[in-house]
Amino acid sequence: YPHENTEIVLIGWGSTYGALREALDVLINQGMDVSLMHFQEIWPFPTQFVSSILSKAKKSFCVENNATGQLAHIIRAETGKQVTAKILKFDGRPFSSQYIIRELKKGGKTWSL
C-alpha cells in the first residue's frame, strides 16, 4: 500500500497487519497522507523498494510486537535508513488500530509492558 511521496509510512510485519490496515483507513479518512508497507516475508529483503519509499517519506513508524524493534533494525542494516520512530508492544496482546493511531499522534518511540 505504499504510494509515491507519502508523508507518513506505517511499517509492520506478521500479526500487525489487521490493526495497521484498519489504522491506515481511519487516518486516511481523517485526511492524513499515510501509507502502509507490510512484510509477509523478510527474506530476500526488498532493499531498493524499501529504500525508495523511505527516501520520499517525511516520517516512518515501525509497528512491532517485540521489545527491540527487530524489523526497524533490519531495515537500517539493509538500507542504511532509520525509521523515524518505533511503536512497540511486548505484553502478549495484539495491537489495536486505536492504539496505533494514539501512539502515532504522540510521535512514536513508545512501548507497552
PDB file of N, CA and C in Angstrom:
ATOM      1  N   TYR A   1       0.784  -1.213   0.000  1.00  0.00           N
ATOM      2  CA  TYR A   1       0.000   0.000   0.000  1.00  0.00           C
ATOM      3  C   TYR A   1       0.825   1.276   0.000  1.00  0.00           C
ATOM      4  N   PRO A   2       2.129   1.195  -0.118  1.00  0.00           N
ATOM      5  CA  PRO A   2       2.862   2.455  -0.179  1.00  0.00           C
ATOM      6  C   PRO A   2       2.591   3.153  -1.506  1.00  0.00           C
ATOM      7  N   HIS A   3       2.597   4.455  -1.469  1.00  0.00           N
ATOM      8  CA  HIS A   3       2.486   5.208  -2.709  1.00  0.00           C
ATOM      9  C   HIS A   3       3.584   6.261  -2.732  1.00  0.00           C
ATOM     10  N   GLU A   4       3.854   6.776  -3.898  1.00  0.00           N
ATOM     11  CA  GLU A   4       4.951   7.728  -4.071  1.00  0.00           C
ATOM     12  C   GLU A   4       4.700   8.999  -3.276  1.00  0.00           C
ATOM     13  N   ASN A   5       5.753   9.518  -2.674  1.00  0.00           N
ATOM     14  CA  ASN A   5       5.733  10.815  -1.999  1.00  0.00           C
ATOM     15  C   ASN A   5       4.721  10.920  -0.862  1.00  0.00           C
ATOM     16  N   THR A   6       4.528   9.859  -0.129  1.00  0.00           N
ATOM     17  CA  THR A   6       3.641   9.908   1.024  1.00  0.00           C
ATOM     18  C   THR A   6       4.337  10.613   2.180  1.00  0.00           C
ATOM     19  N   GLU A   7       3.567  11.266   3.018  1.00  0.00           N
ATOM     20  CA  GLU A   7       4.149  11.970   4.159  1.00  0.00           C
ATOM     21  C   GLU A   7       4.551  10.996   5.264  1.00  0.00           C
ATOM     22  N   ILE A   8       3.671  10.038   5.549  1.00  0.00           N
ATOM     23  CA  ILE A   8       3.903   9.090   6.643  1.00  0.00           C
ATOM     24  C   ILE A   8       3.777   7.668   6.114  1.00  0.00           C
ATOM     25  N   VAL A   9       4.729   6.813   6.480  1.00  0.00           N
ATOM     26  CA  VAL A   9       4.662   5.394   6.139  1.00  0.00           C
ATOM     27  C   VAL A   9       4.581   4.595   7.431  1.00  0.00           C
ATOM     28  N   LEU A  10       3.553   3.765   7.539  1.00  0.00           N
ATOM     29  CA  LEU A  10       3.454   2.796   8.623  1.00  0.00           C
ATOM     30  C   LEU A  10       4.114   1.519   8.130  1.00  0.00           C
ATOM     31  N   ILE A  11       4.940   0.909   8.968  1.00  0.00           N
ATOM     32  CA  ILE A  11       5.678  -0.290   8.577  1.00  0.00           C
ATOM     33  C   ILE A  11       5.396  -1.386   9.588  1.00  0.00           C
ATOM     34  N   GLY A  12       5.119  -2.582   9.098  1.00  0.00           N
ATOM     35  CA  GLY A  12       4.882  -3.694  10.009  1.00  0.00           C
ATOM     36  C   GLY A  12       5.146  -5.020   9.333  1.00  0.00           C
ATOM     37  N   TRP A  13       5.008  -6.065  10.133  1.00  0.00           N
ATOM     38  CA  TRP A  13       5.168  -7.414   9.610  1.00  0.00           C
ATOM     39  C   TRP A  13       4.347  -8.366  10.465  1.00  0.00           C
ATOM     40  N   GLY A  14       4.018  -9.509   9.872  1.00  0.00           N
ATOM     41  CA  GLY A  14       3.308 -10.543  10.615  1.00  0.00           C
ATOM     42  C   GLY A  14       1.942 -10.111  11.124  1.00  0.00           C
ATOM     43  N   SER A  15       1.707 -10.352  12.404  1.00  0.00           N
ATOM     44  CA  SER A  15       0.381 -10.190  13.003  1.00  0.00           C
ATOM     45  C   SER A  15      -0.081  -8.747  13.150  1.00  0.00           C
ATOM     46  N   THR A  16       0.742  -7.784  12.803  1.00  0.00           N
ATOM     47  CA  THR A  16       0.337  -6.381  12.922  1.00  0.00           C
ATOM     48  C   THR A  16      -0.561  -5.934  11.767  1.00  0.00           C
ATOM     49  N   TYR A  17      -0.703  -6.759  10.739  1.00  0.00           N
ATOM     50  CA  TYR A  17      -1.384  -6.330   9.514  1.00  0.00           C
ATOM     51  C   TYR A  17      -2.801  -5.808   9.749  1.00  0.00           C
ATOM     52  N   GLY A  18      -3.637  -6.556  10.422  1.00  0.00           N
ATOM     53  CA  GLY A  18      -5.041  -6.170  10.590  1.00  0.00           C
ATOM     54  C   GLY A  18      -5.199  -4.817  11.259  1.00  0.00           C
ATOM     55  N   ALA A  19      -4.507  -4.624  12.362  1.00  0.00           N
ATOM     56  CA  ALA A  19      -4.590  -3.355  13.089  1.00  0.00           C
ATOM     57  C   ALA A  19      -3.992  -2.215  12.270  1.00  0.00           C
ATOM     58  N   LEU A  20      -2.901  -2.477  11.566  1.00  0.00           N
ATOM     59  CA  LEU A  20      -2.292  -1.445  10.723  1.00  0.00           C
ATOM     60  C   LEU A  20      -3.214  -1.051   9.569  1.00  0.00           C
ATOM     61  N   ARG A  21      -3.834  -2.020   8.949  1.00  0.00           N
ATOM     62  CA  ARG A  21      -4.737  -1.736   7.823  1.00  0.00           C
ATOM     63  C   ARG A  21      -5.930  -0.913   8.291  1.00  0.00           C
ATOM     64  N   GLU A  22      -6.477  -1.274   9.445  1.00  0.00           N
ATOM     65  CA  GLU A  22      -7.601  -0.521   9.995  1.00  0.00           C
ATOM     66  C   GLU A  22      -7.165   0.904  10.368  1.00  0.00           C
ATOM     67  N   ALA A  23      -5.998   1.031  10.992  1.00  0.00           N
ATOM     68  CA  ALA A  23      -5.471   2.354  11.348  1.00  0.00           C
ATOM     69  C   ALA A  23      -5.249   3.193  10.089  1.00  0.00           C
ATOM     70  N   LEU A  24      -4.723   2.576   9.042  1.00  0.00           N
ATOM     71  CA  LEU A  24      -4.495   3.265   7.771  1.00  0.00           C
ATOM     72  C   LEU A  24      -5.799   3.848   7.238  1.00  0.00           C
ATOM     73  N   ASP A  25      -6.849   3.047   7.223  1.00  0.00           N
ATOM     74  CA  ASP A  25      -8.142   3.512   6.719  1.00  0.00           C
ATOM     75  C   ASP A  25      -8.665   4.689   7.535  1.00  0.00           C
ATOM     76  N   VAL A  26      -8.563   4.608   8.858  1.00  0.00           N
ATOM     77  CA  VAL A  26      -9.027   5.691   9.737  1.00  0.00           C
ATOM     78  C   VAL A  26      -8.227   6.963   9.482  1.00  0.00           C
ATOM     79  N   LEU A  27      -6.905   6.836   9.426  1.00  0.00           N
ATOM     80  CA  LEU A  27      -6.045   8.006   9.229  1.00  0.00           C
ATOM     81  C   LEU A  27      -6.274   8.663   7.870  1.00  0.00           C
ATOM     82  N   ILE A  28      -6.469   7.864   6.835  1.00  0.00           N
ATOM     83  CA  ILE A  28      -6.769   8.417   5.508  1.00  0.00           C
ATOM     84  C   ILE A  28      -8.098   9.166   5.548  1.00  0.00           C
ATOM     85  N   ASN A  29      -9.098   8.582   6.218  1.00  0.00           N
ATOM     86  CA  ASN A  29     -10.400   9.246   6.343  1.00  0.00           C
ATOM     87  C   ASN A  29     -10.312  10.536   7.145  1.00  0.00           C
ATOM     88  N   GLN A  30      -9.291  10.652   8.006  1.00  0.00           N
ATOM     89  CA  GLN A  30      -9.065  11.880   8.769  1.00  0.00           C
ATOM     90  C   GLN A  30      -8.256  12.900   7.961  1.00  0.00           C
ATOM     91  N   GLY A  31      -7.908  12.543   6.735  1.00  0.00           N
ATOM     92  CA  GLY A  31      -7.210  13.470   5.856  1.00  0.00           C
ATOM     93  C   GLY A  31      -5.694  13.403   5.914  1.00  0.00           C
ATOM     94  N   MET A  32      -5.146  12.403   6.594  1.00  0.00           N
ATOM     95  CA  MET A  32      -3.690  12.281   6.679  1.00  0.00           C
ATOM     96  C   MET A  32      -3.138  11.613   5.427  1.00  0.00           C
ATOM     97  N   ASP A  33      -1.957  12.025   5.023  1.00  0.00           N
ATOM     98  CA  ASP A  33      -1.254  11.441   3.876  1.00  0.00           C
ATOM     99  C   ASP A  33      -0.386  10.305   4.408  1.00  0.00           C
ATOM    100  N   VAL A  34      -0.948   9.116   4.434  1.00  0.00           N
ATOM    101  CA  VAL A  34      -0.296   7.972   5.071  1.00  0.00           C
ATOM    102  C   VAL A  34      -0.425   6.745   4.182  1.00  0.00           C
ATOM    103  N   SER A  35       0.583   5.884   4.236  1.00  0.00           N
ATOM    104  CA  SER A  35       0.539   4.624   3.501  1.00  0.00           C
ATOM    105  C   SER A  35       1.082   3.512   4.390  1.00  0.00           C
ATOM    106  N   LEU A  36       0.944   2.288   3.922  1.00  0.00           N
ATOM    107  CA  LEU A  36       1.339   1.115   4.698  1.00  0.00           C
ATOM    108  C   LEU A  36       2.304   0.259   3.895  1.00  0.00           C
ATOM    109  N   MET A  37       3.381  -0.146   4.553  1.00  0.00           N
ATOM    110  CA  MET A  37       4.318  -1.108   3.984  1.00  0.00           C
ATOM    111  C   MET A  37       4.350  -2.288   4.956  1.00  0.00           C
ATOM    112  N   HIS A  38       3.772  -3.412   4.550  1.00  0.00           N
ATOM    113  CA  HIS A  38       3.685  -4.583   5.422  1.00  0.00           C
ATOM    114  C   HIS A  38       4.406  -5.758   4.777  1.00  0.00           C
ATOM    115  N   PHE A  39       5.218  -6.431   5.576  1.00  0.00           N
ATOM    116  CA  PHE A  39       6.008  -7.560   5.086  1.00  0.00           C
ATOM    117  C   PHE A  39       5.384  -8.877   5.524  1.00  0.00           C
ATOM    118  N   GLN A  40       5.149  -9.762   4.565  1.00  0.00           N
ATOM    119  CA  GLN A  40       4.763 -11.131   4.893  1.00  0.00           C
ATOM    120  C   GLN A  40       6.014 -11.979   5.074  1.00  0.00           C
ATOM    121  N   GLU A  41       7.030 -11.651   4.318  1.00  0.00           N
ATOM    122  CA  GLU A  41       8.320 -12.339   4.409  1.00  0.00           C
ATOM    123  C   GLU A  41       9.418 -11.285   4.427  1.00  0.00           C
ATOM    124  N   ILE A  42      10.478 -11.566   5.159  1.00  0.00           N
ATOM    125  CA  ILE A  42      11.577 -10.614   5.279  1.00  0.00           C
ATOM    126  C   ILE A  42      12.688 -10.904   4.267  1.00  0.00           C
ATOM    127  N   TRP A  43      12.894 -12.172   3.960  1.00  0.00           N
ATOM    128  CA  TRP A  43      13.987 -12.550   3.058  1.00  0.00           C
ATOM    129  C   TRP A  43      13.450 -13.161   1.787  1.00  0.00           C
ATOM    130  N   PRO A  44      13.978 -12.830   0.655  1.00  0.00           N
ATOM    131  CA  PRO A  44      15.027 -11.828   0.454  1.00  0.00           C
ATOM    132  C   PRO A  44      14.458 -10.435   0.699  1.00  0.00           C
ATOM    133  N   PHE A  45      15.246  -9.597   1.323  1.00  0.00           N
ATOM    134  CA  PHE A  45      14.783  -8.263   1.693  1.00  0.00           C
ATOM    135  C   PHE A  45      14.720  -7.362   0.454  1.00  0.00           C
ATOM    136  N   PRO A  46      13.599  -6.659   0.265  1.00  0.00           N
ATOM    137  CA  PRO A  46      13.443  -5.780  -0.907  1.00  0.00           C
ATOM    138  C   PRO A  46      14.133  -4.424  -0.697  1.00  0.00           C
ATOM    139  N   THR A  47      15.440  -4.448  -0.655  1.00  0.00           N
ATOM    140  CA  THR A  47      16.244  -3.282  -0.278  1.00  0.00           C
ATOM    141  C   THR A  47      15.933  -2.041  -1.107  1.00  0.00           C
ATOM    142  N   GLN A  48      15.943  -2.156  -2.420  1.00  0.00           N
ATOM    143  CA  GLN A  48      15.734  -0.978  -3.273  1.00  0.00           C
ATOM    144  C   GLN A  48      14.338  -0.400  -3.103  1.00  0.00           C
ATOM    145  N   PHE A  49      13.345  -1.266  -3.023  1.00  0.00           N
ATOM    146  CA  PHE A  49      11.959  -0.818  -2.860  1.00  0.00           C
ATOM    147  C   PHE A  49      11.788  -0.063  -1.546  1.00  0.00           C
ATOM    148  N   VAL A  50      12.252  -0.655  -0.446  1.00  0.00           N
ATOM    149  CA  VAL A  50      12.115  -0.036   0.877  1.00  0.00           C
ATOM    150  C   VAL A  50      12.892   1.275   0.932  1.00  0.00           C
ATOM    151  N   SER A  51      14.092   1.273   0.420  1.00  0.00           N
ATOM    152  CA  SER A  51      14.916   2.477   0.417  1.00  0.00           C
ATOM    153  C   SER A  51      14.238   3.604  -0.360  1.00  0.00           C
ATOM    154  N   SER A  52      13.648   3.279  -1.487  1.00  0.00           N
ATOM    155  CA  SER A  52      12.958   4.268  -2.306  1.00  0.00           C
ATOM    156  C   SER A  52      11.770   4.877  -1.565  1.00  0.00           C
ATOM    157  N   ILE A  53      10.968   4.045  -0.938  1.00  0.00           N
ATOM    158  CA  ILE A  53       9.793   4.531  -0.200  1.00  0.00           C
ATOM    159  C   ILE A  53      10.222   5.405   0.967  1.00  0.00           C
ATOM    160  N   LEU A  54      11.198   4.946   1.746  1.00  0.00           N
ATOM    161  CA  LEU A  54      11.626   5.702   2.928  1.00  0.00           C
ATOM    162  C   LEU A  54      12.331   7.002   2.554  1.00  0.00           C
ATOM    163  N   SER A  55      12.982   7.037   1.419  1.00  0.00           N
ATOM    164  CA  SER A  55      13.655   8.262   0.971  1.00  0.00           C
ATOM    165  C   SER A  55      12.663   9.381   0.682  1.00  0.00           C
ATOM    166  N   LYS A  56      11.473   9.012   0.266  1.00  0.00           N
ATOM    167  CA  LYS A  56      10.466  10.003  -0.111  1.00  0.00           C
ATOM    168  C   LYS A  56       9.530  10.375   1.033  1.00  0.00           C
ATOM    169  N   ALA A  57       9.446   9.533   2.056  1.00  0.00           N
ATOM    170  CA  ALA A  57       8.540   9.793   3.181  1.00  0.00           C
ATOM    171  C   ALA A  57       9.148  10.800   4.148  1.00  0.00           C
ATOM    172  N   LYS A  58       8.301  11.621   4.738  1.00  0.00           N
ATOM    173  CA  LYS A  58       8.771  12.566   5.751  1.00  0.00           C
ATOM    174  C   LYS A  58       8.957  11.869   7.094  1.00  0.00           C
ATOM    175  N   LYS A  59       8.058  10.911   7.399  1.00  0.00           N
ATOM    176  CA  LYS A  59       8.134  10.168   8.658  1.00  0.00           C
ATOM    177  C   LYS A  59       7.803   8.707   8.405  1.00  0.00           C
ATOM    178  N   SER A  60       8.414   7.840   9.194  1.00  0.00           N
ATOM    179  CA  SER A  60       8.122   6.410   9.106  1.00  0.00           C
ATOM    180  C   SER A  60       8.015   5.842  10.515  1.00  0.00           C
ATOM    181  N   PHE A  61       6.989   5.040  10.731  1.00  0.00           N
ATOM    182  CA  PHE A  61       6.733   4.435  12.032  1.00  0.00           C
ATOM    183  C   PHE A  61       6.725   2.921  11.882  1.00  0.00           C
ATOM    184  N   CYS A  62       7.617   2.255  12.597  1.00  0.00           N
ATOM    185  CA  CYS A  62       7.698   0.802  12.565  1.00  0.00           C
ATOM    186  C   CYS A  62       6.901   0.262  13.749  1.00  0.00           C
ATOM    187  N   VAL A  63       5.865  -0.511  13.463  1.00  0.00           N
ATOM    188  CA  VAL A  63       4.955  -1.043  14.473  1.00  0.00           C
ATOM    189  C   VAL A  63       5.261  -2.525  14.633  1.00  0.00           C
ATOM    190  N   GLU A  64       5.722  -2.907  15.848  1.00  0.00           N
ATOM    191  CA  GLU A  64       6.185  -4.281  16.040  1.00  0.00           C
ATOM    192  C   GLU A  64       5.754  -4.867  17.374  1.00  0.00           C
ATOM    193  N   ASN A  65       5.497  -6.172  17.355  1.00  0.00           N
ATOM    194  CA  ASN A  65       5.183  -6.939  18.558  1.00  0.00           C
ATOM    195  C   ASN A  65       6.451  -7.550  19.137  1.00  0.00           C
ATOM    196  N   ASN A  66       7.407  -6.716  19.524  1.00  0.00           N
ATOM    197  CA  ASN A  66       8.614  -7.183  20.201  1.00  0.00           C
ATOM    198  C   ASN A  66       9.237  -6.001  20.934  1.00  0.00           C
ATOM    199  N   ALA A  67      10.193  -6.288  21.782  1.00  0.00           N
ATOM    200  CA  ALA A  67      10.761  -5.260  22.660  1.00  0.00           C
ATOM    201  C   ALA A  67      11.885  -4.460  22.026  1.00  0.00           C
ATOM    202  N   THR A  68      12.460  -4.950  20.944  1.00  0.00           N
ATOM    203  CA  THR A  68      13.674  -4.316  20.431  1.00  0.00           C
ATOM    204  C   THR A  68      13.530  -3.649  19.065  1.00  0.00           C
ATOM    205  N   GLY A  69      12.404  -3.790  18.421  1.00  0.00           N
ATOM    206  CA  GLY A  69      12.253  -3.206  17.090  1.00  0.00           C
ATOM    207  C   GLY A  69      13.077  -3.944  16.055  1.00  0.00           C
ATOM    208  N   GLN A  70      12.910  -5.259  15.998  1.00  0.00           N
ATOM    209  CA  GLN A  70      13.724  -6.097  15.122  1.00  0.00           C
ATOM    210  C   GLN A  70      13.640  -5.688  13.654  1.00  0.00           C
ATOM    211  N   LEU A  71      12.434  -5.430  13.169  1.00  0.00           N
ATOM    212  CA  LEU A  71      12.281  -5.052  11.763  1.00  0.00           C
ATOM    213  C   LEU A  71      12.947  -3.708  11.490  1.00  0.00           C
ATOM    214  N   ALA A  72      12.822  -2.774  12.408  1.00  0.00           N
ATOM    215  CA  ALA A  72      13.481  -1.470  12.242  1.00  0.00           C
ATOM    216  C   ALA A  72      14.994  -1.642  12.125  1.00  0.00           C
ATOM    217  N   HIS A  73      15.549  -2.573  12.895  1.00  0.00           N
ATOM    218  CA  HIS A  73      16.991  -2.845  12.816  1.00  0.00           C
ATOM    219  C   HIS A  73      17.366  -3.467  11.467  1.00  0.00           C
ATOM    220  N   ILE A  74      16.522  -4.373  10.978  1.00  0.00           N
ATOM    221  CA  ILE A  74      16.777  -4.994   9.673  1.00  0.00           C
ATOM    222  C   ILE A  74      16.719  -3.937   8.573  1.00  0.00           C
ATOM    223  N   ILE A  75      15.730  -3.064   8.646  1.00  0.00           N
ATOM    224  CA  ILE A  75      15.604  -2.003   7.645  1.00  0.00           C
ATOM    225  C   ILE A  75      16.860  -1.139   7.626  1.00  0.00           C
ATOM    226  N   ARG A  76      17.340  -0.766   8.796  1.00  0.00           N
ATOM    227  CA  ARG A  76      18.547   0.070   8.857  1.00  0.00           C
ATOM    228  C   ARG A  76      19.768  -0.683   8.320  1.00  0.00           C
ATOM    229  N   ALA A  77      19.889  -1.960   8.684  1.00  0.00           N
ATOM    230  CA  ALA A  77      21.038  -2.747   8.229  1.00  0.00           C
ATOM    231  C   ALA A  77      21.027  -2.934   6.713  1.00  0.00           C
ATOM    232  N   GLU A  78      19.845  -3.128   6.137  1.00  0.00           N
ATOM    233  CA  GLU A  78      19.743  -3.423   4.709  1.00  0.00           C
ATOM    234  C   GLU A  78      19.710  -2.180   3.824  1.00  0.00           C
ATOM    235  N   THR A  79      19.189  -1.068   4.343  1.00  0.00           N
ATOM    236  CA  THR A  79      19.021   0.123   3.502  1.00  0.00           C
ATOM    237  C   THR A  79      19.873   1.313   3.950  1.00  0.00           C
ATOM    238  N   GLY A  80      20.341   1.278   5.185  1.00  0.00           N
ATOM    239  CA  GLY A  80      21.051   2.428   5.736  1.00  0.00           C
ATOM    240  C   GLY A  80      20.111   3.522   6.210  1.00  0.00           C
ATOM    241  N   LYS A  81      18.814   3.294   6.098  1.00  0.00           N
ATOM    242  CA  LYS A  81      17.809   4.277   6.500  1.00  0.00           C
ATOM    243  C   LYS A  81      17.233   3.897   7.858  1.00  0.00           C
ATOM    244  N   GLN A  82      17.060   4.897   8.707  1.00  0.00           N
ATOM    245  CA  GLN A  82      16.499   4.665  10.032  1.00  0.00           C
ATOM    246  C   GLN A  82      15.058   5.153  10.052  1.00  0.00           C
ATOM    247  N   VAL A  83      14.160   4.366  10.647  1.00  0.00           N
ATOM    248  CA  VAL A  83      12.772   4.804  10.770  1.00  0.00           C
ATOM    249  C   VAL A  83      12.709   5.982  11.734  1.00  0.00           C
ATOM    250  N   THR A  84      11.699   6.816  11.564  1.00  0.00           N
ATOM    251  CA  THR A  84      11.530   7.983  12.421  1.00  0.00           C
ATOM    252  C   THR A  84      11.272   7.565  13.857  1.00  0.00           C
ATOM    253  N   ALA A  85      10.401   6.569  14.036  1.00  0.00           N
ATOM    254  CA  ALA A  85      10.029   6.139  15.385  1.00  0.00           C
ATOM    255  C   ALA A  85       9.520   4.707  15.358  1.00  0.00           C
ATOM    256  N   LYS A  86       9.510   4.100  16.526  1.00  0.00           N
ATOM    257  CA  LYS A  86       9.006   2.741  16.686  1.00  0.00           C
ATOM    258  C   LYS A  86       7.815   2.775  17.634  1.00  0.00           C
ATOM    259  N   ILE A  87       6.820   1.961  17.325  1.00  0.00           N
ATOM    260  CA  ILE A  87       5.706   1.729  18.230  1.00  0.00           C
ATOM    261  C   ILE A  87       5.764   0.245  18.549  1.00  0.00           C
ATOM    262  N   LEU A  88       6.174  -0.069  19.763  1.00  0.00           N
ATOM    263  CA  LEU A  88       6.439  -1.452  20.159  1.00  0.00           C
ATOM    264  C   LEU A  88       5.460  -1.905  21.233  1.00  0.00           C
ATOM    265  N   LYS A  89       5.122  -3.177  21.187  1.00  0.00           N
ATOM    266  CA  LYS A  89       4.263  -3.810  22.184  1.00  0.00           C
ATOM    267  C   LYS A  89       4.830  -5.189  22.442  1.00  0.00           C
ATOM    268  N   PHE A  90       5.024  -5.508  23.697  1.00  0.00           N
ATOM    269  CA  PHE A  90       5.551  -6.836  24.012  1.00  0.00           C
ATOM    270  C   PHE A  90       4.924  -7.378  25.290  1.00  0.00           C
ATOM    271  N   ASP A  91       3.616  -7.159  25.407  1.00  0.00           N
ATOM    272  CA  ASP A  91       2.878  -7.648  26.567  1.00  0.00           C
ATOM    273  C   ASP A  91       2.037  -8.879  26.243  1.00  0.00           C
ATOM    274  N   GLY A  92       2.198  -9.420  25.037  1.00  0.00           N
ATOM    275  CA  GLY A  92       1.455 -10.607  24.644  1.00  0.00           C
ATOM    276  C   GLY A  92       0.093 -10.304  24.050  1.00  0.00           C
ATOM    277  N   ARG A  93      -0.306  -9.064  24.051  1.00  0.00           N
ATOM    278  CA  ARG A  93      -1.605  -8.676  23.499  1.00  0.00           C
ATOM    279  C   ARG A  93      -1.409  -8.091  22.100  1.00  0.00           C
ATOM    280  N   PRO A  94      -2.384  -8.297  21.236  1.00  0.00           N
ATOM    281  CA  PRO A  94      -2.246  -7.755  19.881  1.00  0.00           C
ATOM    282  C   PRO A  94      -2.461  -6.242  19.859  1.00  0.00           C
ATOM    283  N   PHE A  95      -1.980  -5.614  18.809  1.00  0.00           N
ATOM    284  CA  PHE A  95      -2.224  -4.193  18.593  1.00  0.00           C
ATOM    285  C   PHE A  95      -3.685  -3.971  18.240  1.00  0.00           C
ATOM    286  N   SER A  96      -4.188  -2.801  18.569  1.00  0.00           N
ATOM    287  CA  SER A  96      -5.479  -2.346  18.063  1.00  0.00           C
ATOM    288  C   SER A  96      -5.204  -1.126  17.197  1.00  0.00           C
ATOM    289  N   SER A  97      -6.107  -0.840  16.297  1.00  0.00           N
ATOM    290  CA  SER A  97      -5.922   0.339  15.452  1.00  0.00           C
ATOM    291  C   SER A  97      -5.935   1.609  16.291  1.00  0.00           C
ATOM    292  N   GLN A  98      -6.764   1.638  17.332  1.00  0.00           N
ATOM    293  CA  GLN A  98      -6.835   2.812  18.202  1.00  0.00           C
ATOM    294  C   GLN A  98      -5.498   3.054  18.890  1.00  0.00           C
ATOM    295  N   TYR A  99      -4.849   1.993  19.334  1.00  0.00           N
ATOM    296  CA  TYR A  99      -3.543   2.118  19.994  1.00  0.00           C
ATOM    297  C   TYR A  99      -2.509   2.689  19.018  1.00  0.00           C
ATOM    298  N   ILE A 100      -2.488   2.156  17.812  1.00  0.00           N
ATOM    299  CA  ILE A 100      -1.529   2.621  16.805  1.00  0.00           C
ATOM    300  C   ILE A 100      -1.756   4.100  16.495  1.00  0.00           C
ATOM    301  N   ILE A 101      -2.997   4.492  16.291  1.00  0.00           N
ATOM    302  CA  ILE A 101      -3.315   5.887  15.973  1.00  0.00           C
ATOM    303  C   ILE A 101      -2.906   6.806  17.117  1.00  0.00           C
ATOM    304  N   ARG A 102      -3.239   6.416  18.333  1.00  0.00           N
ATOM    305  CA  ARG A 102      -2.891   7.234  19.503  1.00  0.00           C
ATOM    306  C   ARG A 102      -1.375   7.414  19.612  1.00  0.00           C
ATOM    307  N   GLU A 103      -0.626   6.329  19.478  1.00  0.00           N
ATOM    308  CA  GLU A 103       0.832   6.399  19.612  1.00  0.00           C
ATOM    309  C   GLU A 103       1.473   7.134  18.433  1.00  0.00           C
ATOM    310  N   LEU A 104       0.920   6.969  17.252  1.00  0.00           N
ATOM    311  CA  LEU A 104       1.416   7.694  16.085  1.00  0.00           C
ATOM    312  C   LEU A 104       1.278   9.201  16.303  1.00  0.00           C
ATOM    313  N   LYS A 105       0.141   9.624  16.809  1.00  0.00           N
ATOM    314  CA  LYS A 105      -0.094  11.050  17.037  1.00  0.00           C
ATOM    315  C   LYS A 105       0.768  11.597  18.170  1.00  0.00           C
ATOM    316  N   LYS A 106       1.213  10.718  19.072  1.00  0.00           N
ATOM    317  CA  LYS A 106       2.147  11.137  20.125  1.00  0.00           C
ATOM    318  C   LYS A 106       3.578  11.199  19.594  1.00  0.00           C
ATOM    319  N   GLY A 107       3.810  10.600  18.456  1.00  0.00           N
ATOM    320  CA  GLY A 107       5.138  10.659  17.850  1.00  0.00           C
ATOM    321  C   GLY A 107       5.919   9.366  17.895  1.00  0.00           C
ATOM    322  N   GLY A 108       5.343   8.290  18.398  1.00  0.00           N
ATOM    323  CA  GLY A 108       6.037   7.007  18.429  1.00  0.00           C
ATOM    324  C   GLY A 108       7.018   6.891  19.571  1.00  0.00           C
ATOM    325  N   LYS A 109       8.023   6.023  19.391  1.00  0.00           N
ATOM    326  CA  LYS A 109       9.026   5.720  20.406  1.00  0.00           C
ATOM    327  C   LYS A 109       8.368   5.284  21.712  1.00  0.00           C
ATOM    328  N   THR A 110       7.333   4.486  21.583  1.00  0.00           N
ATOM    329  CA  THR A 110       6.608   4.006  22.753  1.00  0.00           C
ATOM    330  C   THR A 110       6.652   2.494  22.792  1.00  0.00           C
ATOM    331  N   TRP A 111       6.342   1.968  23.924  1.00  0.00           N
ATOM    332  CA  TRP A 111       6.230   0.527  24.059  1.00  0.00           C
ATOM    333  C   TRP A 111       5.275   0.219  25.183  1.00  0.00           C
ATOM    334  N   SER A 112       4.742  -0.965  25.168  1.00  0.00           N
ATOM    335  CA  SER A 112       3.785  -1.406  26.171  1.00  0.00           C
ATOM    336  C   SER A 112       4.344  -2.624  26.882  1.00  0.00           C
ATOM    337  N   LEU A 113       4.426  -2.544  28.197  1.00  0.00           N
ATOM    338  CA  LEU A 113       4.925  -3.664  29.003  1.00  0.00           C
ATOM    339  C   LEU A 113       3.790  -4.548  29.435  1.00  0.00           C
TER     340      LEU A 113
END
